[in-house]
Structures are given as structure tokens and as C-alpha cells.
Protein backbone atom coordinates (compact mmCIF):
# COMPACT_ATOMS: atom_id res chain seq x y z
CA MET A 1 -13.60 1.21 -19.34
CA ALA A 2 -11.46 -1.86 -18.66
CA LYS A 3 -10.75 -2.63 -15.02
CA SER A 4 -7.22 -2.34 -13.70
CA TYR A 5 -5.30 -5.35 -12.40
CA ILE A 6 -6.04 -4.31 -8.81
CA GLU A 7 -9.77 -3.83 -9.43
CA ASN A 8 -10.01 -7.32 -10.93
CA MET A 9 -8.73 -8.80 -7.64
CA LEU A 10 -11.32 -7.13 -5.43
CA GLY A 11 -14.10 -9.22 -3.96
CA GLU A 12 -17.75 -8.27 -3.74
CA ASN A 13 -18.26 -5.10 -1.68
CA GLU A 14 -14.48 -4.78 -1.29
CA ARG A 15 -13.09 -1.31 -1.86
CA ILE A 16 -9.65 0.26 -1.98
CA ILE A 17 -8.81 2.60 0.90
CA LEU A 18 -5.17 3.45 0.22
CA VAL A 19 -2.51 2.71 -2.41
CA THR A 20 1.17 3.51 -1.89
CA ARG A 21 4.57 2.52 -3.23
CA GLN A 22 8.13 2.48 -2.02
CA HIS A 23 9.48 5.98 -1.53
CA GLY A 24 10.94 7.81 -4.52
CA PHE A 25 14.38 7.53 -2.89
CA VAL A 26 14.28 3.79 -3.58
CA LEU A 27 13.71 4.44 -7.27
CA PHE A 28 16.39 7.13 -7.37
CA SER A 29 18.97 4.88 -5.72
CA SER A 30 18.21 2.21 -8.31
CA ILE A 31 18.62 4.43 -11.36
CA ILE A 32 21.37 6.83 -10.23
CA ALA A 33 24.10 4.57 -11.68
CA GLU A 34 22.27 4.34 -15.03
CA ILE A 35 21.86 8.13 -15.12
CA VAL A 36 25.58 8.70 -14.46
CA VAL A 37 26.68 6.17 -17.10
CA THR A 38 24.27 7.61 -19.66
CA LEU A 39 25.53 11.16 -19.07
CA ILE A 40 29.16 10.04 -19.38
CA VAL A 41 28.48 8.24 -22.67
CA ILE A 42 26.56 11.21 -24.09
CA ALA A 43 29.31 13.63 -23.00
CA ALA A 44 31.94 11.43 -24.67
CA PHE A 45 29.85 11.29 -27.83
CA ILE A 46 29.52 15.07 -27.98
CA ALA A 47 33.26 15.48 -27.44
CA MET A 48 34.04 13.29 -30.46
CA THR A 49 33.23 14.00 -34.06
CA LEU A 50 30.04 12.62 -35.58
CA SER A 51 32.03 11.08 -38.41
CA ASN A 52 33.88 8.77 -36.04
CA PRO A 53 32.18 5.35 -36.12
CA VAL A 54 33.51 4.55 -32.66
CA ALA A 55 31.62 7.56 -31.34
CA ALA A 56 28.42 6.35 -33.01
CA PHE A 57 28.89 2.94 -31.39
CA GLY A 58 29.46 4.65 -28.06
CA PHE A 59 26.21 6.55 -28.47
CA LEU A 60 24.38 3.24 -29.01
CA LEU A 61 25.89 1.99 -25.76
CA ALA A 62 23.94 4.73 -23.99
CA LEU A 63 20.76 2.85 -24.88
CA ILE A 64 21.76 -0.01 -22.57
CA PRO A 65 21.68 1.95 -19.28
CA LEU A 66 18.60 3.80 -20.55
CA GLY A 67 16.86 0.45 -21.08
CA ILE A 68 17.86 -0.74 -17.61
CA MET A 69 16.64 2.55 -16.13
CA ALA A 70 13.27 2.20 -17.90
CA TRP A 71 12.92 -1.33 -16.50
CA ASP A 72 13.72 -0.12 -12.96
CA ILE A 73 11.08 2.60 -13.27
CA MET A 74 8.44 0.12 -14.47
CA ASN A 75 9.37 -2.29 -11.68
CA TRP A 76 9.08 0.45 -9.04
CA ASN A 77 5.75 1.61 -10.46
CA SER A 78 4.30 -1.92 -10.45
CA HIS A 79 5.31 -2.58 -6.81
CA GLN A 80 2.26 -1.44 -4.89
CA TYR A 81 0.97 -1.72 -1.33
CA ILE A 82 -2.81 -1.59 -1.03
CA VAL A 83 -5.16 -1.37 1.93
CA THR A 84 -8.76 -2.39 1.32
CA ASN A 85 -11.64 -2.66 3.77
CA ARG A 86 -10.84 -6.39 4.08
CA ARG A 87 -7.12 -7.01 3.55
CA VAL A 88 -3.65 -5.69 2.83
CA ILE A 89 -2.25 -6.53 -0.61
CA GLN A 90 1.33 -6.39 -1.89
CA ILE A 91 1.75 -6.55 -5.68
CA SER A 92 5.08 -6.75 -7.51
CA GLY A 93 6.34 -7.70 -10.96
CA VAL A 94 6.10 -6.03 -14.35
CA ILE A 95 5.28 -9.05 -16.52
CA ASN A 96 4.85 -11.87 -14.02
CA LYS A 97 2.78 -10.66 -11.08
CA ASN A 98 3.47 -11.70 -7.49
CA VAL A 99 0.59 -11.01 -5.09
CA ILE A 100 0.68 -11.43 -1.31
CA ASP A 101 -2.32 -10.47 0.77
CA SER A 102 -3.11 -10.60 4.47
CA SER A 103 -6.64 -10.58 5.82
CA LEU A 104 -7.24 -7.75 8.26
CA GLU A 105 -9.03 -10.21 10.53
CA LYS A 106 -5.76 -12.16 10.93
CA VAL A 107 -3.53 -9.13 11.52
CA THR A 108 -2.41 -9.33 15.14
CA ASP A 109 0.07 -6.46 15.31
CA ILE A 110 1.54 -3.65 13.19
CA LYS A 111 5.04 -2.30 13.74
CA MET A 112 6.38 0.81 12.04
CA THR A 113 10.03 1.89 11.99
CA GLN A 114 11.23 5.31 10.82
CA SER A 115 14.75 6.70 10.89
CA PHE A 116 15.50 10.41 11.24
CA PHE A 117 15.58 10.83 7.47
CA GLY A 118 12.49 8.64 7.22
CA ARG A 119 10.57 11.10 9.37
CA LEU A 120 12.07 13.99 7.44
CA PHE A 121 11.17 12.66 3.99
CA ASP A 122 8.12 10.57 5.01
CA TYR A 123 9.18 6.97 4.43
CA GLY A 124 9.68 3.94 6.65
CA ASP A 125 9.25 0.20 7.20
CA VAL A 126 5.93 -1.35 8.18
CA GLU A 127 5.94 -4.87 9.62
CA ILE A 128 2.64 -6.74 9.75
CA LEU A 129 2.30 -9.70 12.11
CA THR A 130 -0.49 -12.12 11.20
CA ALA A 131 -1.97 -15.36 12.46
CA SER A 132 -1.70 -16.86 8.97
CA GLU A 133 1.02 -19.09 7.55
CA ILE A 134 2.90 -16.02 6.30
CA GLY A 135 3.47 -14.92 9.89
CA VAL A 136 5.36 -11.70 9.15
CA ASN A 137 4.95 -9.43 6.15
CA MET A 138 7.54 -6.65 5.84
CA PHE A 139 7.00 -3.56 3.68
CA LYS A 140 10.36 -1.84 3.24
CA ARG A 141 10.81 1.93 2.79
CA ILE A 142 7.27 2.71 1.75
CA GLY A 143 5.98 6.23 1.32
CA ASN A 144 3.47 7.67 3.83
CA PRO A 145 4.02 4.87 6.40
CA VAL A 146 2.03 6.65 9.14
CA LYS A 147 -0.95 7.09 6.82
CA PHE A 148 -0.61 3.47 5.69
CA LYS A 149 -0.59 2.16 9.27
CA THR A 150 -3.51 4.38 10.27
CA ALA A 151 -5.54 3.22 7.27
CA MET A 152 -4.92 -0.40 8.28
CA LEU A 153 -5.91 0.17 11.90
CA ASN A 154 -9.08 2.06 10.96
CA ALA A 155 -10.07 -0.58 8.39
CA LYS A 156 -9.46 -3.39 10.89
CA GLU A 157 -11.49 -1.63 13.60
CA LYS A 158 -14.33 -0.88 11.23
CA LEU A 159 -14.25 -4.50 10.03
CA GLY A 160 -14.79 -5.57 13.64
CA TYR A 161 -17.67 -3.11 13.92
CA GLU A 162 -19.29 -4.47 10.76
CA GLY A 163 -18.85 -7.96 12.16
CA THR A 164 -21.34 -7.08 14.91
CA GLY A 165 -23.94 -6.18 12.31
CA SER A 166 -26.87 -8.16 11.04
CA ARG A 167 -25.01 -10.99 9.29
CA GLY A 168 -26.86 -13.66 11.22
CA HIS A 169 -25.64 -12.30 14.56
CA ASN A 170 -28.22 -11.33 17.14
CA PRO A 171 -26.62 -9.68 20.20
CA ARG A 172 -27.94 -10.46 23.66
CA PRO A 173 -29.95 -7.65 25.27
CA ASP A 174 -27.46 -7.30 28.13
CA SER A 175 -24.60 -6.76 25.64
CA ILE A 176 -26.38 -4.03 23.68
CA PRO A 177 -25.32 -1.10 25.95
CA ALA A 178 -21.68 -2.16 25.56
CA LEU A 179 -22.09 -2.29 21.79
CA ILE A 180 -23.60 1.19 21.80
CA ASP A 181 -20.66 2.46 23.86
CA ALA A 182 -18.27 0.88 21.34
CA LEU A 183 -20.16 2.55 18.51
CA GLU A 184 -19.89 5.87 20.32
CA GLU A 185 -16.09 5.48 20.49
CA LEU A 186 -15.96 4.69 16.77
CA ARG A 187 -18.08 7.77 16.06
CA LYS A 188 -15.72 9.98 18.09
CA LYS A 189 -12.73 8.64 16.13
CA GLY A 190 -14.47 9.39 12.84
CA ILE A 191 -14.53 5.74 11.78
CA VAL A 192 -18.35 5.68 11.89
CA THR A 193 -20.37 8.61 10.60
CA GLU A 194 -23.09 10.30 12.66
CA GLU A 195 -25.76 8.80 10.39
CA GLU A 196 -24.30 5.29 10.69
CA PHE A 197 -24.12 5.66 14.47
CA LYS A 198 -27.75 6.75 14.80
CA ALA A 199 -29.01 4.02 12.47
CA LYS A 200 -27.08 1.26 14.24
CA LYS A 201 -28.00 2.57 17.68
CA LYS A 202 -31.68 2.57 16.72
CA GLU A 203 -31.35 -0.99 15.41
CA LEU A 204 -29.68 -2.19 18.64
CA LEU A 205 -32.21 -0.47 20.91
CA ALA A 206 -35.02 -2.16 19.01
CA LYS A 207 -33.58 -5.53 20.03
CA MET A 208 -33.64 -4.82 23.77
């Protein structure tokens, strides 16, 4: 099976945690005008006789807003916000793709804003502050913003935990109890499984 566009961008051992899009309200607000125009044209066509060439031409005009509506739907569908275990990716564009990603290591702060209706219908804005050249990355009116923010925070925290692993880093014996305490907190939050906690704790104790 051929890989998707997103899968082709993933690095080695990188995995997707969450994929979301802008809320359906954004799509609806984009196509409501096309829907209204199409319905008016179709209603006018039905009201006129089929033998009238002007009516036939009017029916063809309905294809224009339908085409614009189809493009808006494809554009909404292609605009994705992805959280992986290493970064946050924003993809847009139907034909020409525009990709912006921020490394979780460089994310310094995450701000979420939800209006009353945003809380009611589960959408909002998520602003990501980074130490990179991008500085601020704003995701407007995305669906499931709380879940998106939580996924980012958990992935960033777990990335920090993995950074204390065995990739050439040998902790000092006096820092091992603090690392075990940090692992215990991660286990309580559900970020680290019981098996991962026991295995890592055993590994750290062996280095004392």
C-alpha cells in the first residue's frame, strides 16, 4: 500500500499521535454562499420550462458555485494539524503543499483560546510559541483544541523523558533518585506505562 503524504514526511521512529483539522464550522461558513446560490439557480431552472434555452444556460451556471464549493471542501480537507512524538506539523494546499513544522524541543509555551461557542462546539485557537525563527505559530479554529494541546504537552514531556535514556547519556549516581522520582510522576500521569517505569527504574538503579 502506498504511503500517504504525511507518512512520507515522518522520520525514523517518528509516529503520528494526533491529526485534526479546522472545525466543520469553518468549512460551512466557506461554502454556505455557494449552497445558497446553487439552490437559487436550481429553483429558477425548475420554475422555467425545459425548452427555454435561457433556463438551460442558467442550469449550467449552477456548476460554477458547485465547482467552487468542491474546491473549498478539498482545501479544508487538505489543511491538517498533526502532532507526532517529535514535532507539530501544519499542512495546507490541495495541489501545492505548504508545510510548517515546529520541533517539540523548541516549543516554549502553548496558549489556547476558546470562546463560549468554542467550548460548546469544541473548537478554538491554539498558539504555539517556539524558540525557532518562526517564533509564533497560530492554529485558528481547530477542532478538539483541548485534546490537541494535551497531546502536545504529553509528547513534549515524554520526549524529555526519552532524552534521559541511553543515547550516550550516563546520569550521575546522585541524580538517579531524582530521575526515578520524575519517572514516577510520568507513570502516575499515564505518560509512561508500568512496564516502562519498572524497566527504566531497574536500569537506573544498576548504575548507582
